[in-house]
């Protein structure tokens, strides 16, 4: 697989992780914690796939500038970082929604 295709794959997995975490948050807000949990699991799986790609790229580069750093690479890294932050915050917020009665969530 060429570098550009690998980076696009990282972007796709990071985007899926972000979207699933945000959808999980919406379900929790509506009191559907089973759907929220399933979406968080999907989000975590997507993060693992993206992180595996990132680790492979880091290994190929070995910190020696073997891989070109371009805008799409930086964009992919930003997406992964944002997805991880959103996932962490969504997990905490879902737990808060569990503790608050549904009528107060809306």
Protein backbone atom coordinates (compact mmCIF):
# COMPACT_ATOMS: atom_id res chain seq x y z
CA UNK A 1 0.00 0.00 0.00
CA UNK A 2 1.41 3.40 -0.85
CA UNK A 3 1.90 6.13 1.71
CA UNK A 4 -0.98 8.33 0.58
CA UNK A 5 -3.44 5.44 0.69
CA UNK A 6 -2.20 4.47 4.18
CA UNK A 7 -2.69 8.02 5.44
CA UNK A 8 -6.19 8.16 3.95
CA UNK A 9 -6.98 4.90 5.75
CA UNK A 10 -5.77 6.46 9.01
CA UNK A 11 -8.06 9.44 8.32
CA UNK A 12 -11.05 7.18 7.67
CA UNK A 13 -10.59 5.21 10.89
CA UNK A 14 -10.05 8.37 12.94
CA UNK A 15 -13.16 9.94 11.40
CA UNK A 16 -15.21 6.83 12.16
CA UNK A 17 -13.98 6.84 15.75
CA UNK A 18 -14.95 10.49 16.16
CA UNK A 19 -18.38 10.05 14.56
CA UNK A 20 -19.20 6.95 16.61
CA UNK A 21 -18.21 8.65 19.87
CA UNK A 22 -20.39 11.66 19.06
CA UNK A 23 -23.34 9.42 18.11
CA UNK A 24 -22.84 7.49 21.35
CA UNK A 25 -23.09 10.75 23.24
CA UNK A 26 -26.38 11.59 21.48
CA UNK A 27 -27.82 8.19 22.38
CA UNK A 28 -26.77 8.57 26.01
CA UNK A 29 -28.37 12.00 26.12
CA UNK A 30 -31.63 10.33 25.08
CA UNK A 31 -31.22 7.59 27.70
CA UNK A 32 -30.26 4.80 25.27
CA UNK A 33 -27.15 3.60 27.07
CA UNK A 34 -27.05 0.23 25.32
CA UNK A 35 -26.71 1.92 21.91
CA UNK A 36 -24.23 4.39 23.39
CA UNK A 37 -22.07 1.54 24.69
CA UNK A 38 -22.15 -0.27 21.33
CA UNK A 39 -21.10 2.89 19.52
CA UNK A 40 -18.29 3.51 21.98
CA UNK A 41 -17.01 -0.02 21.35
CA UNK A 42 -17.05 0.71 17.60
CA UNK A 43 -15.25 3.98 18.27
CA UNK A 44 -12.57 2.21 20.29
CA UNK A 45 -12.08 -0.38 17.54
CA UNK A 46 -11.63 2.36 14.96
CA UNK A 47 -9.12 4.14 17.21
CA UNK A 48 -7.14 0.91 17.55
CA UNK A 49 -7.01 0.50 13.76
CA UNK A 50 -5.92 4.12 13.30
CA UNK A 51 -3.34 3.83 16.06
CA UNK A 52 -1.93 0.66 14.47
CA UNK A 53 -1.47 2.54 11.20
CA UNK A 54 0.13 5.46 13.03
CA UNK A 55 2.52 3.13 14.85
CA UNK A 56 3.49 1.48 11.57
CA UNK A 57 4.20 4.86 10.00
CA UNK A 58 6.29 5.92 12.99
CA UNK A 59 8.24 2.68 12.74
CA UNK A 60 8.87 3.24 9.04
CA UNK A 61 10.10 6.75 9.70
CA UNK A 62 12.19 5.86 12.76
CA UNK A 63 12.45 9.57 13.57
CA UNK A 64 14.87 10.01 10.67
CA UNK A 65 12.60 11.90 8.25
CA UNK A 66 12.30 8.85 5.97
CA UNK A 67 8.64 9.64 5.33
CA UNK A 68 7.56 12.96 3.84
CA UNK A 69 5.61 15.23 6.15
CA UNK A 70 2.90 16.94 4.16
CA UNK A 71 -0.43 18.56 4.85
CA UNK A 72 -2.44 15.33 4.53
CA UNK A 73 -0.18 13.60 7.08
CA UNK A 74 -0.61 16.45 9.54
CA UNK A 75 -4.36 16.47 8.86
CA UNK A 76 -4.56 12.74 9.60
CA UNK A 77 -2.65 13.20 12.87
CA UNK A 78 -5.01 16.03 13.85
CA UNK A 79 -8.03 13.83 13.14
CA UNK A 80 -6.63 11.01 15.24
CA UNK A 81 -5.80 13.29 18.15
CA UNK A 82 -9.25 14.92 18.03
CA UNK A 83 -10.97 11.54 17.84
CA UNK A 84 -9.08 10.34 20.91
CA UNK A 85 -9.97 13.48 22.89
CA UNK A 86 -13.62 13.31 21.85
CA UNK A 87 -13.74 9.63 22.76
CA UNK A 88 -12.36 10.33 26.24
CA UNK A 89 -14.77 13.20 26.84
CA UNK A 90 -17.74 11.26 25.45
CA UNK A 91 -17.01 8.39 27.82
CA UNK A 92 -17.03 10.76 30.79
CA UNK A 93 -20.16 12.55 29.62
CA UNK A 94 -22.00 9.27 29.03
CA UNK A 95 -21.23 8.32 32.62
CA UNK A 96 -22.64 11.66 33.78
CA UNK A 97 -25.80 11.08 31.74
CA UNK A 98 -26.19 7.70 33.48
CA UNK A 99 -26.21 9.46 36.83
CA UNK A 100 -28.74 12.13 35.90
CA UNK A 101 -32.42 11.21 35.52
CA UNK A 102 -33.54 11.28 31.86
CA UNK A 103 -35.94 14.22 32.22
CA UNK A 104 -33.00 16.38 33.37
CA UNK A 105 -30.86 15.30 30.38
CA UNK A 106 -33.17 16.92 27.85
